[in-house]
Amino acid sequence: MSRIGKLPIPLPSGVTVDVNANNVVTVKGAKGELKQAVDPAIKIEIENGTVVLSRATEQKRHRAMHGLYRSLLNNMITGVSTGFKSEQEMVGVGYRAEAKGQMLELTLGYSHNILFEIPKEVSVETKAEKGKAPSITLTSFDKQLLGQVAAKIRSMRKPEPYKGKGIKFAGEELRRKAGKSAGKK
């Protein structure tokens, strides 16, 4: 049995889970609604306030999907009840971010500003305090979409290994390299 897949998922109050005939799971909560198609080999049962997943056979493919779909459903339930948050820091002289509705304007040292459109399911907030690196905070009920948007923003100016300039996740430890002068002797 998959150690992750066999764990029951508790349903918080205000969250409803529906499974239709095509094995499409719909999770509704206070923050929104998410849908996920589940492989027919995985059986989903809702019993006394928990969601339990089971698999048809012990094939390697079925064992892998058992844990995968349990994690996806758990993230959906957590998302519609409490939501997810991603914080990013901008390290570099003159790097700025400004949120204008669902548009994010980034100044990243290029000859032009970058305009990035944020999906409607994700809300963006920017903060620039004197003496601290500017930060971007993304919140959403959809963990997959939130991670995708955060990765896309980070890819616009990845942190470089010598000075650490770029967009990084809050708390991320970067691998730093020594410069040229450190190698000579």
N, C-alpha and C. Protein backbone atom coordinates (compact mmCIF):
# COMPACT_ATOMS: atom_id res chain seq x y z
N MET A 1 0.85 -1.19 0.00
CA MET A 1 0.00 0.00 0.00
C MET A 1 0.89 1.24 0.00
N SER A 2 0.52 2.23 -0.77
CA SER A 2 1.25 3.49 -0.81
C SER A 2 1.11 4.20 0.52
N ARG A 3 2.24 4.63 1.09
CA ARG A 3 2.18 5.29 2.40
C ARG A 3 1.41 6.60 2.32
N ILE A 4 1.55 7.32 1.21
CA ILE A 4 0.81 8.57 1.06
C ILE A 4 -0.61 8.29 0.62
N GLY A 5 -0.78 7.40 -0.34
CA GLY A 5 -2.09 7.12 -0.91
C GLY A 5 -3.11 6.58 0.07
N LYS A 6 -2.66 5.81 1.08
CA LYS A 6 -3.62 5.20 2.00
C LYS A 6 -4.11 6.16 3.08
N LEU A 7 -3.47 7.32 3.24
CA LEU A 7 -3.90 8.27 4.26
C LEU A 7 -5.24 8.89 3.88
N PRO A 8 -6.21 8.90 4.80
CA PRO A 8 -7.49 9.55 4.49
C PRO A 8 -7.32 11.08 4.50
N ILE A 9 -8.10 11.77 3.68
CA ILE A 9 -8.05 13.23 3.62
C ILE A 9 -9.23 13.77 4.42
N PRO A 10 -8.99 14.49 5.52
CA PRO A 10 -10.11 15.05 6.28
C PRO A 10 -10.75 16.21 5.52
N LEU A 11 -12.08 16.29 5.56
CA LEU A 11 -12.81 17.36 4.89
C LEU A 11 -13.12 18.47 5.89
N PRO A 12 -12.57 19.68 5.70
CA PRO A 12 -12.91 20.78 6.59
C PRO A 12 -14.37 21.20 6.39
N SER A 13 -14.92 21.93 7.35
CA SER A 13 -16.31 22.37 7.23
C SER A 13 -16.41 23.38 6.09
N GLY A 14 -17.47 23.30 5.31
CA GLY A 14 -17.69 24.20 4.20
C GLY A 14 -17.11 23.72 2.88
N VAL A 15 -16.47 22.55 2.88
CA VAL A 15 -15.89 22.00 1.65
C VAL A 15 -16.70 20.78 1.23
N THR A 16 -17.09 20.76 -0.06
CA THR A 16 -17.83 19.62 -0.58
C THR A 16 -17.03 18.98 -1.71
N VAL A 17 -17.07 17.65 -1.75
CA VAL A 17 -16.37 16.89 -2.78
C VAL A 17 -17.40 16.04 -3.52
N ASP A 18 -17.43 16.15 -4.86
CA ASP A 18 -18.34 15.36 -5.68
C ASP A 18 -17.53 14.59 -6.72
N VAL A 19 -17.90 13.31 -6.92
CA VAL A 19 -17.25 12.49 -7.94
C VAL A 19 -18.33 12.07 -8.93
N ASN A 20 -18.13 12.41 -10.24
CA ASN A 20 -19.15 12.02 -11.22
C ASN A 20 -18.78 10.68 -11.85
N ALA A 21 -19.59 10.23 -12.80
CA ALA A 21 -19.42 8.90 -13.41
C ALA A 21 -18.12 8.78 -14.20
N ASN A 22 -17.60 9.88 -14.73
CA ASN A 22 -16.36 9.84 -15.51
C ASN A 22 -15.11 9.96 -14.64
N ASN A 23 -15.27 9.83 -13.33
CA ASN A 23 -14.18 9.94 -12.35
C ASN A 23 -13.56 11.33 -12.37
N VAL A 24 -14.38 12.35 -12.51
CA VAL A 24 -13.93 13.74 -12.39
C VAL A 24 -14.35 14.24 -11.02
N VAL A 25 -13.37 14.68 -10.24
CA VAL A 25 -13.63 15.13 -8.87
C VAL A 25 -13.79 16.65 -8.89
N THR A 26 -14.87 17.14 -8.26
CA THR A 26 -15.12 18.58 -8.12
C THR A 26 -15.08 18.91 -6.64
N VAL A 27 -14.20 19.87 -6.29
CA VAL A 27 -14.07 20.31 -4.90
C VAL A 27 -14.51 21.76 -4.83
N LYS A 28 -15.52 22.04 -3.95
CA LYS A 28 -16.02 23.40 -3.79
C LYS A 28 -15.79 23.83 -2.35
N GLY A 29 -15.39 25.10 -2.23
CA GLY A 29 -15.17 25.66 -0.90
C GLY A 29 -15.39 27.15 -0.91
N ALA A 30 -15.00 27.80 0.20
CA ALA A 30 -15.20 29.24 0.35
C ALA A 30 -14.37 30.04 -0.64
N LYS A 31 -13.19 29.57 -1.00
CA LYS A 31 -12.29 30.32 -1.88
C LYS A 31 -12.54 30.08 -3.36
N GLY A 32 -13.15 28.96 -3.73
CA GLY A 32 -13.39 28.69 -5.15
C GLY A 32 -13.76 27.25 -5.41
N GLU A 33 -13.64 26.87 -6.69
CA GLU A 33 -14.00 25.52 -7.13
C GLU A 33 -12.90 24.98 -8.05
N LEU A 34 -12.50 23.72 -7.82
CA LEU A 34 -11.47 23.07 -8.63
C LEU A 34 -11.97 21.73 -9.13
N LYS A 35 -11.50 21.34 -10.32
CA LYS A 35 -11.86 20.04 -10.90
C LYS A 35 -10.59 19.29 -11.27
N GLN A 36 -10.63 17.96 -11.14
CA GLN A 36 -9.49 17.12 -11.49
C GLN A 36 -10.01 15.78 -12.01
N ALA A 37 -9.56 15.38 -13.20
CA ALA A 37 -9.90 14.07 -13.73
C ALA A 37 -8.97 13.04 -13.08
N VAL A 38 -9.54 11.95 -12.61
CA VAL A 38 -8.78 10.90 -11.92
C VAL A 38 -8.82 9.63 -12.77
N ASP A 39 -7.69 8.92 -12.82
CA ASP A 39 -7.60 7.68 -13.59
C ASP A 39 -8.65 6.68 -13.10
N PRO A 40 -9.27 5.92 -14.00
CA PRO A 40 -10.31 4.96 -13.60
C PRO A 40 -9.80 3.86 -12.66
N ALA A 41 -8.49 3.62 -12.62
CA ALA A 41 -7.95 2.58 -11.74
C ALA A 41 -7.98 3.01 -10.27
N ILE A 42 -8.17 4.29 -10.01
CA ILE A 42 -8.22 4.80 -8.64
C ILE A 42 -9.68 5.02 -8.26
N LYS A 43 -10.09 4.42 -7.14
CA LYS A 43 -11.47 4.52 -6.66
C LYS A 43 -11.52 5.54 -5.52
N ILE A 44 -12.49 6.45 -5.57
CA ILE A 44 -12.61 7.51 -4.57
C ILE A 44 -13.90 7.30 -3.79
N GLU A 45 -13.78 7.26 -2.46
CA GLU A 45 -14.95 7.10 -1.60
C GLU A 45 -14.97 8.23 -0.57
N ILE A 46 -16.16 8.78 -0.35
CA ILE A 46 -16.33 9.83 0.65
C ILE A 46 -17.15 9.22 1.78
N GLU A 47 -16.53 9.08 2.96
CA GLU A 47 -17.20 8.46 4.10
C GLU A 47 -16.88 9.22 5.39
N ASN A 48 -17.91 9.48 6.18
CA ASN A 48 -17.88 10.24 7.43
C ASN A 48 -16.80 11.34 7.51
N GLY A 49 -16.91 12.32 6.64
CA GLY A 49 -16.05 13.50 6.70
C GLY A 49 -14.63 13.30 6.20
N THR A 50 -14.36 12.19 5.52
CA THR A 50 -13.02 11.98 4.95
C THR A 50 -13.14 11.45 3.53
N VAL A 51 -12.09 11.67 2.75
CA VAL A 51 -12.00 11.14 1.40
C VAL A 51 -10.93 10.06 1.42
N VAL A 52 -11.28 8.86 0.94
CA VAL A 52 -10.35 7.74 0.94
C VAL A 52 -10.16 7.26 -0.50
N LEU A 53 -8.90 7.07 -0.89
CA LEU A 53 -8.59 6.59 -2.23
C LEU A 53 -8.06 5.16 -2.14
N SER A 54 -8.47 4.33 -3.10
CA SER A 54 -7.96 2.96 -3.17
C SER A 54 -7.66 2.65 -4.63
N ARG A 55 -6.78 1.66 -4.85
CA ARG A 55 -6.39 1.31 -6.22
C ARG A 55 -6.85 -0.10 -6.56
N ALA A 56 -6.92 -0.35 -7.86
CA ALA A 56 -7.44 -1.62 -8.35
C ALA A 56 -6.45 -2.76 -8.16
N THR A 57 -5.18 -2.56 -8.52
CA THR A 57 -4.18 -3.62 -8.45
C THR A 57 -2.90 -3.10 -7.81
N GLU A 58 -1.93 -3.98 -7.69
CA GLU A 58 -0.62 -3.62 -7.12
C GLU A 58 0.42 -3.32 -8.21
N GLN A 59 -0.03 -3.05 -9.43
CA GLN A 59 0.91 -2.69 -10.50
C GLN A 59 1.66 -1.42 -10.12
N LYS A 60 2.89 -1.31 -10.61
CA LYS A 60 3.72 -0.15 -10.28
C LYS A 60 3.03 1.16 -10.69
N ARG A 61 2.41 1.16 -11.86
CA ARG A 61 1.73 2.35 -12.36
C ARG A 61 0.57 2.74 -11.44
N HIS A 62 -0.19 1.78 -10.98
CA HIS A 62 -1.33 2.05 -10.09
C HIS A 62 -0.85 2.53 -8.73
N ARG A 63 0.25 1.97 -8.24
CA ARG A 63 0.80 2.41 -6.95
C ARG A 63 1.25 3.87 -7.03
N ALA A 64 1.89 4.24 -8.15
CA ALA A 64 2.36 5.61 -8.33
C ALA A 64 1.19 6.58 -8.41
N MET A 65 0.15 6.20 -9.17
CA MET A 65 -1.01 7.09 -9.32
C MET A 65 -1.79 7.22 -8.02
N HIS A 66 -1.77 6.20 -7.18
CA HIS A 66 -2.49 6.24 -5.91
C HIS A 66 -1.99 7.41 -5.06
N GLY A 67 -0.69 7.52 -4.89
CA GLY A 67 -0.11 8.61 -4.11
C GLY A 67 -0.27 9.96 -4.80
N LEU A 68 -0.13 9.98 -6.13
CA LEU A 68 -0.25 11.22 -6.89
C LEU A 68 -1.64 11.83 -6.72
N TYR A 69 -2.68 11.05 -6.97
CA TYR A 69 -4.03 11.59 -6.92
C TYR A 69 -4.44 11.94 -5.49
N ARG A 70 -3.93 11.22 -4.50
CA ARG A 70 -4.21 11.58 -3.11
C ARG A 70 -3.61 12.95 -2.81
N SER A 71 -2.37 13.21 -3.26
CA SER A 71 -1.73 14.50 -3.04
C SER A 71 -2.45 15.62 -3.78
N LEU A 72 -2.87 15.35 -5.03
CA LEU A 72 -3.59 16.37 -5.80
C LEU A 72 -4.91 16.73 -5.13
N LEU A 73 -5.67 15.72 -4.67
CA LEU A 73 -6.95 15.99 -4.01
C LEU A 73 -6.74 16.72 -2.69
N ASN A 74 -5.70 16.34 -1.94
CA ASN A 74 -5.41 17.02 -0.68
C ASN A 74 -5.09 18.50 -0.93
N ASN A 75 -4.29 18.78 -1.97
CA ASN A 75 -3.97 20.17 -2.31
C ASN A 75 -5.21 20.95 -2.73
N MET A 76 -6.13 20.28 -3.45
CA MET A 76 -7.36 20.95 -3.87
C MET A 76 -8.21 21.30 -2.66
N ILE A 77 -8.35 20.37 -1.71
CA ILE A 77 -9.17 20.59 -0.52
C ILE A 77 -8.55 21.68 0.35
N THR A 78 -7.23 21.65 0.52
CA THR A 78 -6.54 22.69 1.29
C THR A 78 -6.69 24.05 0.61
N GLY A 79 -6.59 24.07 -0.71
CA GLY A 79 -6.67 25.31 -1.47
C GLY A 79 -8.01 26.00 -1.36
N VAL A 80 -9.11 25.25 -1.51
CA VAL A 80 -10.44 25.88 -1.45
C VAL A 80 -10.85 26.25 -0.03
N SER A 81 -10.17 25.69 0.98
CA SER A 81 -10.51 26.05 2.36
C SER A 81 -9.60 27.15 2.91
N THR A 82 -8.26 27.02 2.76
CA THR A 82 -7.35 28.02 3.33
C THR A 82 -6.55 28.78 2.28
N GLY A 83 -6.26 28.18 1.13
CA GLY A 83 -5.50 28.84 0.07
C GLY A 83 -4.01 28.64 0.22
N PHE A 84 -3.26 29.09 -0.79
CA PHE A 84 -1.81 28.97 -0.80
C PHE A 84 -1.19 30.33 -1.06
N LYS A 85 0.07 30.48 -0.65
CA LYS A 85 0.77 31.75 -0.76
C LYS A 85 2.21 31.49 -1.20
N SER A 86 2.73 32.33 -2.10
CA SER A 86 4.11 32.22 -2.55
C SER A 86 4.74 33.61 -2.49
N GLU A 87 5.90 33.70 -1.84
CA GLU A 87 6.60 34.98 -1.72
C GLU A 87 7.91 34.91 -2.48
N GLN A 88 8.22 36.00 -3.20
CA GLN A 88 9.46 36.10 -3.96
C GLN A 88 10.13 37.42 -3.64
N GLU A 89 11.48 37.40 -3.60
CA GLU A 89 12.26 38.60 -3.33
C GLU A 89 13.04 38.97 -4.58
N MET A 90 13.22 40.27 -4.79
CA MET A 90 13.98 40.77 -5.93
C MET A 90 15.28 41.37 -5.40
N VAL A 91 16.40 40.73 -5.74
CA VAL A 91 17.70 41.19 -5.28
C VAL A 91 18.43 41.83 -6.45
N GLY A 92 18.77 43.09 -6.32
CA GLY A 92 19.49 43.79 -7.39
C GLY A 92 19.21 45.28 -7.35
N VAL A 93 20.19 46.07 -7.71
CA VAL A 93 20.04 47.51 -7.71
C VAL A 93 19.06 47.92 -8.80
N GLY A 94 18.05 48.70 -8.42
CA GLY A 94 17.06 49.19 -9.37
C GLY A 94 15.97 48.20 -9.74
N TYR A 95 15.96 47.00 -9.16
CA TYR A 95 14.91 46.02 -9.45
C TYR A 95 13.65 46.45 -8.70
N ARG A 96 12.53 46.52 -9.44
CA ARG A 96 11.26 46.94 -8.85
C ARG A 96 10.13 46.11 -9.43
N ALA A 97 9.04 46.05 -8.66
CA ALA A 97 7.81 45.39 -9.12
C ALA A 97 6.64 46.25 -8.70
N GLU A 98 5.65 46.38 -9.59
CA GLU A 98 4.47 47.16 -9.28
C GLU A 98 3.25 46.43 -9.82
N ALA A 99 2.27 46.20 -8.94
CA ALA A 99 1.04 45.52 -9.34
C ALA A 99 0.00 46.56 -9.72
N LYS A 100 -0.58 46.40 -10.92
CA LYS A 100 -1.66 47.27 -11.39
C LYS A 100 -2.82 46.36 -11.77
N GLY A 101 -3.65 46.03 -10.79
CA GLY A 101 -4.75 45.09 -11.03
C GLY A 101 -4.17 43.70 -11.25
N GLN A 102 -4.46 43.11 -12.40
CA GLN A 102 -3.94 41.78 -12.74
C GLN A 102 -2.70 41.88 -13.63
N MET A 103 -2.08 43.06 -13.70
CA MET A 103 -0.85 43.26 -14.45
C MET A 103 0.29 43.49 -13.46
N LEU A 104 1.41 42.86 -13.72
CA LEU A 104 2.59 43.04 -12.89
C LEU A 104 3.67 43.67 -13.76
N GLU A 105 4.13 44.85 -13.36
CA GLU A 105 5.17 45.55 -14.11
C GLU A 105 6.49 45.35 -13.39
N LEU A 106 7.46 44.73 -14.08
CA LEU A 106 8.76 44.41 -13.50
C LEU A 106 9.86 45.23 -14.15
N THR A 107 10.72 45.81 -13.33
CA THR A 107 11.91 46.50 -13.79
C THR A 107 13.08 45.65 -13.33
N LEU A 108 13.74 44.96 -14.27
CA LEU A 108 14.75 43.95 -13.91
C LEU A 108 16.11 44.21 -14.54
N GLY A 109 16.41 45.45 -14.87
CA GLY A 109 17.72 45.76 -15.42
C GLY A 109 17.82 45.60 -16.92
N TYR A 110 16.74 45.28 -17.58
CA TYR A 110 16.74 45.21 -19.03
C TYR A 110 16.49 46.62 -19.57
N SER A 111 16.58 46.81 -20.88
CA SER A 111 16.36 48.11 -21.48
C SER A 111 14.88 48.52 -21.48
N HIS A 112 14.02 47.60 -21.09
CA HIS A 112 12.58 47.86 -21.08
C HIS A 112 11.96 47.23 -19.84
N ASN A 113 10.78 47.72 -19.47
CA ASN A 113 10.02 47.10 -18.38
C ASN A 113 9.27 45.89 -18.93
N ILE A 114 9.05 44.91 -18.06
CA ILE A 114 8.33 43.70 -18.46
C ILE A 114 6.92 43.76 -17.88
N LEU A 115 5.91 43.61 -18.72
CA LEU A 115 4.52 43.54 -18.27
C LEU A 115 4.11 42.08 -18.29
N PHE A 116 3.64 41.60 -17.14
CA PHE A 116 3.25 40.19 -17.00
C PHE A 116 1.80 40.14 -16.53
N GLU A 117 0.96 39.46 -17.31
CA GLU A 117 -0.45 39.35 -16.95
C GLU A 117 -0.66 38.17 -16.01
N ILE A 118 -1.27 38.43 -14.87
CA ILE A 118 -1.53 37.41 -13.85
C ILE A 118 -2.92 36.83 -14.10
N PRO A 119 -3.09 35.48 -14.07
CA PRO A 119 -4.42 34.89 -14.25
C PRO A 119 -5.38 35.37 -13.15
N LYS A 120 -6.69 35.38 -13.46
CA LYS A 120 -7.67 35.92 -12.53
C LYS A 120 -7.79 35.11 -11.24
N GLU A 121 -7.37 33.84 -11.26
CA GLU A 121 -7.44 33.01 -10.05
C GLU A 121 -6.34 33.35 -9.05
N VAL A 122 -5.33 34.10 -9.48
CA VAL A 122 -4.18 34.43 -8.63
C VAL A 122 -4.23 35.92 -8.33
N SER A 123 -4.05 36.28 -7.06
CA SER A 123 -3.96 37.70 -6.71
C SER A 123 -2.50 38.03 -6.39
N VAL A 124 -2.08 39.24 -6.77
CA VAL A 124 -0.69 39.65 -6.62
C VAL A 124 -0.62 40.90 -5.76
N GLU A 125 0.42 40.97 -4.95
CA GLU A 125 0.66 42.12 -4.09
C GLU A 125 2.16 42.38 -4.07
N THR A 126 2.56 43.63 -4.22
CA THR A 126 3.98 43.96 -4.19
C THR A 126 4.25 44.85 -2.99
N LYS A 127 5.48 44.75 -2.48
CA LYS A 127 5.87 45.54 -1.32
C LYS A 127 7.31 46.00 -1.53
N ALA A 128 7.55 47.30 -1.31
CA ALA A 128 8.89 47.85 -1.41
C ALA A 128 9.15 48.73 -0.20
N GLU A 129 9.96 48.22 0.74
CA GLU A 129 10.31 48.98 1.93
C GLU A 129 11.75 49.45 1.80
N LYS A 130 12.01 50.61 2.37
CA LYS A 130 13.36 51.17 2.30
C LYS A 130 14.31 50.28 3.09
N GLY A 131 15.43 49.92 2.48
CA GLY A 131 16.43 49.08 3.15
C GLY A 131 16.20 47.59 2.98
N LYS A 132 15.09 47.19 2.37
CA LYS A 132 14.79 45.78 2.14
C LYS A 132 14.58 45.54 0.65
N ALA A 133 14.78 44.32 0.24
CA ALA A 133 14.56 43.96 -1.16
C ALA A 133 13.06 44.00 -1.47
N PRO A 134 12.67 44.49 -2.65
CA PRO A 134 11.25 44.48 -3.03
C PRO A 134 10.74 43.02 -3.06
N SER A 135 9.47 42.84 -2.73
CA SER A 135 8.93 41.48 -2.71
C SER A 135 7.61 41.42 -3.47
N ILE A 136 7.33 40.21 -3.97
CA ILE A 136 6.09 39.92 -4.69
C ILE A 136 5.41 38.79 -3.92
N THR A 137 4.13 38.98 -3.56
CA THR A 137 3.37 37.95 -2.87
C THR A 137 2.21 37.52 -3.75
N LEU A 138 2.17 36.23 -4.06
CA LEU A 138 1.09 35.66 -4.88
C LEU A 138 0.23 34.77 -3.99
N THR A 139 -1.10 34.89 -4.09
CA THR A 139 -2.01 34.02 -3.34
C THR A 139 -3.05 33.46 -4.29
N SER A 140 -3.43 32.19 -4.04
CA SER A 140 -4.43 31.54 -4.87
C SER A 140 -4.96 30.30 -4.16
N PHE A 141 -6.07 29.78 -4.65
CA PHE A 141 -6.60 28.52 -4.13
C PHE A 141 -6.11 27.34 -4.97
N ASP A 142 -5.52 27.60 -6.13
CA ASP A 142 -5.04 26.56 -7.04
C ASP A 142 -3.52 26.46 -6.92
N LYS A 143 -3.01 25.43 -6.25
CA LYS A 143 -1.57 25.30 -6.00
C LYS A 143 -0.78 25.11 -7.29
N GLN A 144 -1.30 24.35 -8.23
CA GLN A 144 -0.59 24.12 -9.50
C GLN A 144 -0.43 25.42 -10.28
N LEU A 145 -1.49 26.19 -10.40
CA LEU A 145 -1.44 27.45 -11.14
C LEU A 145 -0.53 28.45 -10.42
N LEU A 146 -0.60 28.50 -9.11
CA LEU A 146 0.24 29.40 -8.32
C LEU A 146 1.72 29.09 -8.54
N GLY A 147 2.08 27.83 -8.51
CA GLY A 147 3.47 27.42 -8.73
C GLY A 147 3.94 27.75 -10.14
N GLN A 148 3.06 27.59 -11.11
CA GLN A 148 3.39 27.88 -12.50
C GLN A 148 3.64 29.37 -12.70
N VAL A 149 2.79 30.21 -12.13
CA VAL A 149 2.95 31.66 -12.26
C VAL A 149 4.22 32.11 -11.54
N ALA A 150 4.47 31.58 -10.34
CA ALA A 150 5.67 31.95 -9.58
C ALA A 150 6.94 31.54 -10.34
N ALA A 151 6.94 30.37 -10.95
CA ALA A 151 8.10 29.90 -11.71
C ALA A 151 8.32 30.77 -12.95
N LYS A 152 7.24 31.21 -13.59
CA LYS A 152 7.34 32.06 -14.78
C LYS A 152 7.93 33.42 -14.41
N ILE A 153 7.50 33.99 -13.28
CA ILE A 153 8.04 35.27 -12.83
C ILE A 153 9.52 35.12 -12.50
N ARG A 154 9.88 34.04 -11.82
CA ARG A 154 11.29 33.80 -11.46
C ARG A 154 12.16 33.63 -12.69
N SER A 155 11.61 33.02 -13.75
CA SER A 155 12.39 32.76 -14.96
C SER A 155 12.75 34.04 -15.72
N MET A 156 12.09 35.14 -15.41
CA MET A 156 12.38 36.39 -16.11
C MET A 156 13.75 36.95 -15.73
N ARG A 157 14.24 36.64 -14.54
CA ARG A 157 15.59 37.02 -14.13
C ARG A 157 15.98 36.07 -12.99
N LYS A 158 16.51 34.89 -13.37
CA LYS A 158 16.91 33.90 -12.37
C LYS A 158 18.09 34.43 -11.56
N PRO A 159 18.22 34.04 -10.30
CA PRO A 159 19.36 34.49 -9.51
C PRO A 159 20.67 33.96 -10.09
N GLU A 160 21.65 34.84 -10.22
CA GLU A 160 22.94 34.40 -10.75
C GLU A 160 23.84 33.99 -9.58
N PRO A 161 24.80 33.08 -9.80
CA PRO A 161 25.55 32.48 -8.70
C PRO A 161 26.66 33.33 -8.09
N TYR A 162 27.03 34.46 -8.71
CA TYR A 162 28.16 35.23 -8.20
C TYR A 162 27.74 36.30 -7.20
N LYS A 163 26.75 37.11 -7.54
CA LYS A 163 26.28 38.14 -6.62
C LYS A 163 24.91 37.83 -6.04
N GLY A 164 24.21 36.87 -6.64
CA GLY A 164 22.87 36.50 -6.16
C GLY A 164 21.77 37.41 -6.67
N LYS A 165 22.05 38.22 -7.69
CA LYS A 165 21.05 39.14 -8.23
C LYS A 165 20.00 38.37 -9.02
N GLY A 166 18.75 38.77 -8.85
CA GLY A 166 17.66 38.14 -9.59
C GLY A 166 16.42 37.99 -8.72
N ILE A 167 15.46 37.24 -9.19
CA ILE A 167 14.23 36.98 -8.44
C ILE A 167 14.36 35.60 -7.81
N LYS A 168 14.21 35.53 -6.48
CA LYS A 168 14.30 34.25 -5.79
C LYS A 168 13.11 34.10 -4.85
N PHE A 169 12.82 32.86 -4.49
CA PHE A 169 11.75 32.61 -3.54
C PHE A 169 12.22 33.01 -2.15
N ALA A 170 11.32 33.47 -1.30
CA ALA A 170 11.68 33.88 0.05
C ALA A 170 12.20 32.67 0.81
N GLY A 171 13.35 32.81 1.43
CA GLY A 171 13.95 31.71 2.19
C GLY A 171 14.79 30.77 1.35
N GLU A 172 14.88 30.99 0.05
CA GLU A 172 15.64 30.11 -0.84
C GLU A 172 17.14 30.34 -0.62
N GLU A 173 17.88 29.27 -0.44
CA GLU A 173 19.33 29.35 -0.30
C GLU A 173 19.95 29.15 -1.68
N LEU A 174 20.76 30.11 -2.11
CA LEU A 174 21.40 30.02 -3.41
C LEU A 174 22.80 29.46 -3.28
N ARG A 175 23.22 28.67 -4.27
CA ARG A 175 24.60 28.18 -4.32
C ARG A 175 25.44 29.29 -4.90
N ARG A 176 26.37 29.79 -4.12
CA ARG A 176 27.21 30.89 -4.55
C ARG A 176 28.55 30.37 -5.02
N LYS A 177 29.14 31.06 -6.00
CA LYS A 177 30.45 30.70 -6.53
C LYS A 177 31.45 31.80 -6.18
N ALA A 178 32.71 31.42 -6.04
CA ALA A 178 33.75 32.41 -5.82
C ALA A 178 34.06 33.06 -7.15
N GLY A 179 34.50 34.31 -7.12
CA GLY A 179 34.82 35.03 -8.34
C GLY A 179 36.17 34.61 -8.89
N LYS A 180 36.63 35.31 -9.94
CA LYS A 180 37.90 34.98 -10.59
C LYS A 180 39.08 35.11 -9.64
N SER A 181 39.11 36.17 -8.85
CA SER A 181 40.28 36.44 -8.00
C SER A 181 40.50 35.36 -6.95
N ALA A 182 39.45 34.64 -6.56
CA ALA A 182 39.58 33.60 -5.53
C ALA A 182 40.34 32.39 -6.08
N GLY A 183 40.33 32.18 -7.39
CA GLY A 183 40.97 31.02 -7.99
C GLY A 183 42.47 31.21 -8.22
N LYS A 184 42.94 32.44 -8.32
CA LYS A 184 44.35 32.72 -8.61
C LYS A 184 45.18 32.69 -7.33
N LYS A 185 46.44 32.25 -7.48
CA LYS A 185 47.33 32.24 -6.32
C LYS A 185 48.75 32.38 -6.75
